[in-house]
């Protein structure tokens, strides 16, 4: 993810934490170095729900930003169980979602009890009610897991089916719609390259949107990405992704007319009085992919988490299954 996108995330985090007590702001600030910006933003949302509930239940006076440390220290296990019931029955959260919210609160309370210190070297709270609360036991038999995951895995023919639709069939279907047809002709090489890169590498959408030209190595078929914890990784992509990237790079400069100093790999069309190109953002790709999924010919593709929004779970499950299949095939071959 590029610096501008990260900055927007941190601005959203700053907006959210202003609604919360001072010790939560301190906790979020301390965790910025360790946790991703998306995790921190989710923490903020979870904390807002919790502190709003405390005020609504008259467990604290004033607004949620006024909740004192003493209030947290005096919370009972029964009150926390009531909050978890509120999440499940009032908000309709699943057990997995409740576990995620509970884990966020456990992390906060652990910080207040075991890491944060007053000037007198005392912990912020001495009693941690969250340590007494257990996560939901979420158990599924193998058949249930298989059925749940099965609908979220793209088969080999569906990879090519969606790529084909983006690269060619979309234009044929909407040839009579001048606006859609011109959009397709202008961007089909770029869009096909994005689809192929995601499907052919397992990269996250944010990683693809944040790619720069210098991150790409076409000779070795890999792309450099920065992942959680600022870890640098080189991710290999498929031959189809290589071909589509090469086709896109052939028309990139002439069609999108980027400034020579512009390093962004995927560009948006020129807009505004200045007519300058800019990086194609994650949000723009998600919006485009949603529209494309709604127009695709396949009966299965629109209903599953496909398209370029390709939710992380879909990509991870699909790529894992493909890699497992390759590994098993290799193992069987070696045993012969």
Protein backbone atom coordinates (compact mmCIF):
# COMPACT_ATOMS: atom_id res chain seq x y z
CA UNK A 1 0.00 0.00 0.00
CA UNK A 2 1.34 3.42 -0.94
CA UNK A 3 2.02 6.22 1.56
CA UNK A 4 -1.07 8.21 0.60
CA UNK A 5 -3.38 5.25 1.25
CA UNK A 6 -1.71 4.57 4.59
CA UNK A 7 -2.05 8.22 5.50
CA UNK A 8 -5.78 8.12 4.77
CA UNK A 9 -6.13 5.06 7.01
CA UNK A 10 -4.30 6.77 9.87
CA UNK A 11 -6.46 9.88 9.44
CA UNK A 12 -9.55 7.68 9.81
CA UNK A 13 -7.99 6.09 12.92
CA UNK A 14 -7.31 9.52 14.40
CA UNK A 15 -10.92 10.56 13.77
CA UNK A 16 -12.21 7.45 15.54
CA UNK A 17 -9.95 7.56 18.60
CA UNK A 18 -11.06 11.12 19.38
CA UNK A 19 -14.36 9.60 20.47
CA UNK A 20 -12.66 7.29 22.97
CA UNK A 21 -11.10 7.70 26.46
CA UNK A 22 -7.51 8.93 26.80
CA UNK A 23 -6.15 5.51 27.77
CA UNK A 24 -7.57 3.94 24.60
CA UNK A 25 -5.91 6.66 22.54
CA UNK A 26 -2.65 5.81 24.31
CA UNK A 27 -3.14 2.08 23.62
CA UNK A 28 -3.78 2.67 19.90
CA UNK A 29 -0.75 4.95 19.70
CA UNK A 30 1.48 2.34 21.35
CA UNK A 31 0.28 -0.38 18.96
CA UNK A 32 0.89 1.57 15.74
CA UNK A 33 4.39 0.16 15.45
CA UNK A 34 3.24 -3.45 15.86
CA UNK A 35 -0.17 -3.71 14.20
CA UNK A 36 -1.37 -2.97 10.68
CA UNK A 37 -3.47 0.13 10.04
CA UNK A 38 -6.48 -2.03 9.10
CA UNK A 39 -6.27 -3.92 12.41
CA UNK A 40 -6.04 -0.66 14.34
CA UNK A 41 -9.08 0.76 12.54
CA UNK A 42 -11.04 -2.40 13.37
CA UNK A 43 -9.95 -2.05 17.00
CA UNK A 44 -11.34 1.49 17.03
CA UNK A 45 -14.71 0.33 15.68
CA UNK A 46 -14.85 -2.47 18.27
CA UNK A 47 -13.95 -0.14 21.14
CA UNK A 48 -16.59 2.41 20.10
CA UNK A 49 -19.27 -0.31 20.22
CA UNK A 50 -18.09 -1.41 23.69
CA UNK A 51 -17.90 2.05 25.24
CA UNK A 52 -21.23 3.09 23.71
CA UNK A 53 -22.75 0.00 25.33
CA UNK A 54 -21.27 0.92 28.73
CA UNK A 55 -22.92 4.35 28.55
CA UNK A 56 -26.23 2.97 27.24
CA UNK A 57 -26.36 0.48 30.13
CA UNK A 58 -25.69 3.29 32.66
CA UNK A 59 -22.45 1.65 33.73
CA UNK A 60 -20.74 4.99 33.15
CA UNK A 61 -21.96 8.59 33.23
CA UNK A 62 -21.30 11.11 30.49
CA UNK A 63 -20.08 10.20 27.00
CA UNK A 64 -17.97 7.24 25.98
CA UNK A 65 -14.82 9.36 26.11
CA UNK A 66 -15.51 9.97 29.82
CA UNK A 67 -15.47 6.30 30.88
CA UNK A 68 -13.00 6.09 33.77
CA UNK A 69 -10.45 3.36 34.40
CA UNK A 70 -12.24 2.60 37.67
CA UNK A 71 -15.35 1.67 35.67
CA UNK A 72 -13.40 -0.93 33.70
CA UNK A 73 -11.83 -2.28 36.87
CA UNK A 74 -15.23 -2.81 38.52
CA UNK A 75 -16.90 -4.56 35.59
CA UNK A 76 -18.22 -8.02 36.47
CA UNK A 77 -18.12 -11.16 34.38
CA UNK A 78 -21.93 -11.05 34.27
CA UNK A 79 -21.82 -7.58 32.72
CA UNK A 80 -19.32 -8.68 30.10
CA UNK A 81 -21.48 -11.70 29.28
CA UNK A 82 -24.39 -9.27 28.82
CA UNK A 83 -22.27 -7.29 26.36
CA UNK A 84 -21.44 -10.45 24.40
CA UNK A 85 -25.15 -11.33 24.33
CA UNK A 86 -25.81 -7.82 23.00
CA UNK A 87 -23.34 -8.43 20.18
CA UNK A 88 -24.93 -11.76 19.26
CA UNK A 89 -28.65 -11.06 19.63
CA UNK A 90 -28.95 -7.30 19.10
CA UNK A 91 -26.23 -6.72 16.51
CA UNK A 92 -26.46 -10.18 14.97
CA UNK A 93 -22.73 -10.85 15.17
CA UNK A 94 -21.51 -14.39 14.49
CA UNK A 95 -19.46 -16.26 17.07
CA UNK A 96 -16.31 -15.65 15.00
CA UNK A 97 -17.02 -11.90 14.87
CA UNK A 98 -17.67 -11.85 18.62
CA UNK A 99 -14.34 -13.62 19.17
CA UNK A 100 -12.58 -10.93 17.15
CA UNK A 101 -14.19 -8.13 19.16
CA UNK A 102 -13.46 -9.94 22.42
CA UNK A 103 -9.82 -10.41 21.39
CA UNK A 104 -9.53 -6.65 20.79
CA UNK A 105 -10.90 -5.94 24.28
CA UNK A 106 -8.64 -8.56 25.84
CA UNK A 107 -5.67 -6.85 24.21
CA UNK A 108 -6.75 -3.46 25.59
CA UNK A 109 -7.34 -4.73 29.13
CA UNK A 110 -4.06 -6.65 29.11
CA UNK A 111 -2.27 -3.42 28.17
CA UNK A 112 -3.98 -1.53 31.00
CA UNK A 113 -3.09 -4.19 33.58
CA UNK A 114 0.31 -5.48 32.50
CA UNK A 115 2.02 -2.89 30.31
CA UNK A 116 0.83 0.64 31.07
CA UNK A 117 2.19 2.35 34.19
CA UNK A 118 1.39 5.45 36.20
CA UNK A 119 4.07 7.85 37.41
CA UNK A 120 4.13 5.80 40.63
CA UNK A 121 4.92 2.67 38.56
CA UNK A 122 1.51 1.22 39.22
CA UNK A 123 -0.66 -0.48 36.56
CA UNK A 124 -3.62 1.48 35.21
CA UNK A 125 -5.97 -1.25 36.49
CA UNK A 126 -5.33 -4.02 39.02
CA UNK A 127 -8.29 -6.21 38.13
CA UNK A 128 -8.77 -7.49 34.57
CA UNK A 129 -12.26 -8.91 34.03
CA UNK A 130 -11.50 -9.80 30.40
CA UNK A 131 -8.93 -12.37 31.56
CA UNK A 132 -11.84 -14.36 33.00
CA UNK A 133 -13.85 -14.42 29.78
CA UNK A 134 -13.28 -17.26 27.34
CA UNK A 135 -13.57 -17.04 23.57
CA UNK A 136 -16.45 -18.85 21.88
CA UNK A 137 -15.69 -22.43 20.96
CA UNK A 138 -16.30 -22.58 17.22
CA UNK A 139 -16.18 -26.18 16.02
CA UNK A 140 -17.12 -27.49 12.60
CA UNK A 141 -16.94 -31.01 11.27
CA UNK A 142 -14.93 -31.65 8.12
CA UNK A 143 -18.01 -31.87 5.90
CA UNK A 144 -19.30 -28.49 7.10
CA UNK A 145 -15.91 -26.88 6.53
CA UNK A 146 -15.67 -28.41 3.06
CA UNK A 147 -19.13 -27.18 2.09
CA UNK A 148 -18.46 -23.68 3.41
CA UNK A 149 -15.11 -23.31 1.69
CA UNK A 150 -16.21 -25.03 -1.50
CA UNK A 151 -18.41 -22.11 -2.50
CA UNK A 152 -15.54 -19.69 -2.00
CA UNK A 153 -12.92 -21.37 -4.17
CA UNK A 154 -12.51 -20.49 -7.82
CA UNK A 155 -12.07 -23.39 -10.16
CA UNK A 156 -9.46 -23.22 -12.92
CA UNK A 157 -12.06 -22.62 -15.63
CA UNK A 158 -13.58 -19.78 -13.60
CA UNK A 159 -10.21 -18.03 -13.40
CA UNK A 160 -10.07 -17.88 -17.17
CA UNK A 161 -13.79 -17.25 -17.54
CA UNK A 162 -13.66 -14.06 -15.51
CA UNK A 163 -10.41 -12.87 -17.12
CA UNK A 164 -11.90 -13.51 -20.56
CA UNK A 165 -14.99 -11.50 -19.66
CA UNK A 166 -12.90 -8.54 -18.48
CA UNK A 167 -10.56 -8.60 -21.46
CA UNK A 168 -13.00 -9.27 -24.31
CA UNK A 169 -16.60 -10.32 -23.61
CA UNK A 170 -17.50 -7.19 -21.61
CA UNK A 171 -16.98 -5.02 -24.70
CA UNK A 172 -18.98 -7.33 -26.94
CA UNK A 173 -21.90 -7.44 -24.54
CA UNK A 174 -22.10 -3.65 -24.16
CA UNK A 175 -21.12 -2.66 -27.68
CA UNK A 176 -24.37 -0.71 -28.07
CA UNK A 177 -23.69 1.30 -24.91
CA UNK A 178 -21.21 3.87 -26.16
CA UNK A 179 -20.02 4.97 -22.69
CA UNK A 180 -19.40 1.44 -21.37
CA UNK A 181 -17.88 0.29 -24.65
CA UNK A 182 -15.41 3.20 -24.79
CA UNK A 183 -14.48 2.63 -21.15
CA UNK A 184 -13.80 -1.02 -21.94
CA UNK A 185 -11.65 -0.24 -24.99
CA UNK A 186 -9.63 2.31 -23.04
CA UNK A 187 -8.98 0.17 -19.95
CA UNK A 188 -9.24 -3.50 -20.94
CA UNK A 189 -5.48 -4.18 -20.98
CA UNK A 190 -5.09 -2.56 -17.57
CA UNK A 191 -8.10 -4.35 -16.08
CA UNK A 192 -7.08 -7.74 -17.49
CA UNK A 193 -3.59 -7.24 -16.03
CA UNK A 194 -5.05 -6.45 -12.59
CA UNK A 195 -7.32 -9.51 -12.67
CA UNK A 196 -4.51 -11.79 -13.82
CA UNK A 197 -2.05 -10.45 -11.27
CA UNK A 198 -4.43 -11.04 -8.37
CA UNK A 199 -5.62 -14.43 -9.56
CA UNK A 200 -2.13 -15.48 -10.61
CA UNK A 201 -0.29 -14.50 -7.44
CA UNK A 202 -2.67 -14.33 -4.48
CA UNK A 203 -1.71 -10.72 -3.77
CA UNK A 204 -4.07 -8.61 -1.71
CA UNK A 205 -6.00 -5.93 -3.55
CA UNK A 206 -4.24 -3.21 -1.55
CA UNK A 207 -0.87 -4.67 -2.55
CA UNK A 208 -1.78 -4.68 -6.24
CA UNK A 209 -3.15 -1.12 -6.08
CA UNK A 210 0.05 0.00 -4.32
CA UNK A 211 2.49 -1.54 -6.82
CA UNK A 212 5.04 0.70 -8.54
CA UNK A 213 6.84 0.06 -11.82
CA UNK A 214 10.13 -0.63 -10.06
CA UNK A 215 8.48 -3.35 -7.93
CA UNK A 216 7.90 -5.46 -11.05
CA UNK A 217 10.45 -7.93 -12.42
CA UNK A 218 9.14 -9.36 -15.70
CA UNK A 219 12.23 -11.47 -16.33
CA UNK A 220 11.79 -13.41 -13.09
CA UNK A 221 7.99 -13.06 -12.96
CA UNK A 222 7.76 -11.64 -9.46
CA UNK A 223 6.62 -8.45 -7.78
CA UNK A 224 8.01 -6.84 -4.64
CA UNK A 225 5.50 -6.01 -1.90
CA UNK A 226 5.70 -4.64 1.64
CA UNK A 227 3.55 -6.62 4.05
CA UNK A 228 2.63 -6.44 7.72
CA UNK A 229 5.46 -5.33 9.93
CA UNK A 230 7.12 -3.63 6.93
CA UNK A 231 8.34 -7.02 5.75
CA UNK A 232 9.59 -7.06 2.18
CA UNK A 233 8.52 -10.07 0.12
CA UNK A 234 8.86 -11.14 -3.50
CA UNK A 235 5.74 -12.83 -4.84
CA UNK A 236 5.79 -14.84 -8.07
CA UNK A 237 2.93 -14.61 -10.56
CA UNK A 238 1.61 -16.84 -13.36
CA UNK A 239 2.53 -16.89 -17.04
CA UNK A 240 -0.92 -15.50 -17.90
CA UNK A 241 -0.33 -12.59 -15.51
CA UNK A 242 3.05 -12.00 -17.18
CA UNK A 243 1.47 -11.87 -20.65
CA UNK A 244 -1.30 -9.51 -19.52
CA UNK A 245 1.17 -7.24 -17.72
CA UNK A 246 3.34 -7.05 -20.83
CA UNK A 247 0.31 -6.10 -22.96
CA UNK A 248 -0.67 -3.40 -20.45
CA UNK A 249 2.84 -1.94 -20.26
CA UNK A 250 2.92 -1.62 -24.06
CA UNK A 251 0.02 0.85 -24.01
CA UNK A 252 0.48 2.40 -20.52
CA UNK A 253 2.42 5.52 -21.49
CA UNK A 254 0.60 6.31 -24.72
CA UNK A 255 -2.90 5.81 -23.31
CA UNK A 256 -2.58 7.15 -19.76
CA UNK A 257 0.19 9.69 -20.44
CA UNK A 258 1.83 9.54 -16.99
CA UNK A 259 4.42 12.04 -15.87
CA UNK A 260 7.92 10.63 -16.29
CA UNK A 261 8.42 10.76 -12.53
CA UNK A 262 5.16 8.88 -11.83
CA UNK A 263 6.12 5.42 -10.46
CA UNK A 264 2.61 3.95 -10.14
CA UNK A 265 2.03 0.69 -11.99
CA UNK A 266 -1.73 0.91 -12.47
CA UNK A 267 -3.06 4.30 -13.54
CA UNK A 268 -6.50 5.88 -13.68
CA UNK A 269 -7.68 7.77 -16.73
CA UNK A 270 -6.80 11.44 -17.00
CA UNK A 271 -9.31 13.73 -15.30
CA UNK A 272 -9.74 17.37 -14.32
CA UNK A 273 -8.46 20.60 -15.88
CA UNK A 274 -4.83 19.54 -15.52
CA UNK A 275 -5.52 16.23 -17.24
CA UNK A 276 -2.99 14.43 -15.06
CA UNK A 277 -2.99 10.70 -14.53
CA UNK A 278 -2.96 9.31 -11.00
CA UNK A 279 -2.67 6.02 -9.20
CA UNK A 280 -5.67 3.72 -9.54
CA UNK A 281 -6.86 3.41 -5.95
CA UNK A 282 -8.09 0.34 -4.12
CA UNK A 283 -11.53 1.91 -3.77
CA UNK A 284 -11.76 2.57 -7.52
CA UNK A 285 -10.88 -1.05 -8.31
CA UNK A 286 -13.45 -2.32 -5.79
CA UNK A 287 -16.16 -0.13 -7.33
CA UNK A 288 -15.24 -1.26 -10.84
CA UNK A 289 -15.13 -4.92 -9.83
CA UNK A 290 -18.55 -4.73 -8.18
CA UNK A 291 -20.06 -3.34 -11.38
CA UNK A 292 -18.26 -5.96 -13.46
CA UNK A 293 -19.48 -8.83 -11.29
CA UNK A 294 -23.05 -7.62 -11.70
CA UNK A 295 -22.68 -7.69 -15.48
CA UNK A 296 -20.74 -10.93 -15.89
CA UNK A 297 -22.39 -13.72 -17.86
CA UNK A 298 -21.69 -16.45 -15.30
CA UNK A 299 -24.44 -17.48 -12.92
CA UNK A 300 -21.90 -18.38 -10.23
CA UNK A 301 -19.47 -15.50 -10.45
CA UNK A 302 -21.79 -12.66 -9.36
CA UNK A 303 -22.91 -14.48 -6.20
CA UNK A 304 -19.49 -15.41 -4.89
CA UNK A 305 -16.81 -13.08 -3.50
CA UNK A 306 -15.13 -12.79 -6.86
CA UNK A 307 -14.15 -10.01 -9.22
CA UNK A 308 -11.25 -7.85 -8.23
CA UNK A 309 -12.70 -7.18 -4.88
CA UNK A 310 -11.75 -10.80 -4.48
CA UNK A 311 -11.95 -10.83 -0.76
CA UNK A 312 -8.79 -12.03 1.02
CA UNK A 313 -10.52 -15.21 2.20
CA UNK A 314 -11.40 -16.23 -1.35
CA UNK A 315 -7.90 -15.64 -2.68
CA UNK A 316 -6.18 -17.33 0.25
CA UNK A 317 -8.43 -20.40 0.11
CA UNK A 318 -8.16 -20.66 -3.67
CA UNK A 319 -4.38 -20.16 -3.79
CA UNK A 320 -3.86 -22.53 -0.85
CA UNK A 321 -5.90 -25.25 -2.54
CA UNK A 322 -4.04 -24.77 -5.82
CA UNK A 323 -0.66 -24.88 -4.05
CA UNK A 324 -1.70 -27.97 -2.08
CA UNK A 325 -2.77 -29.69 -5.28
CA UNK A 326 0.58 -28.90 -6.88
CA UNK A 327 2.47 -30.12 -3.80
CA UNK A 328 0.48 -33.36 -3.65
CA UNK A 329 1.00 -33.98 -7.35
CA UNK A 330 4.74 -33.42 -6.92
CA UNK A 331 4.85 -35.75 -3.93
CA UNK A 332 3.00 -38.52 -5.80
CA UNK A 333 5.34 -38.11 -8.76
CA UNK A 334 8.41 -38.43 -6.52
CA UNK A 335 7.05 -41.61 -4.94
CA UNK A 336 6.74 -43.37 -8.29
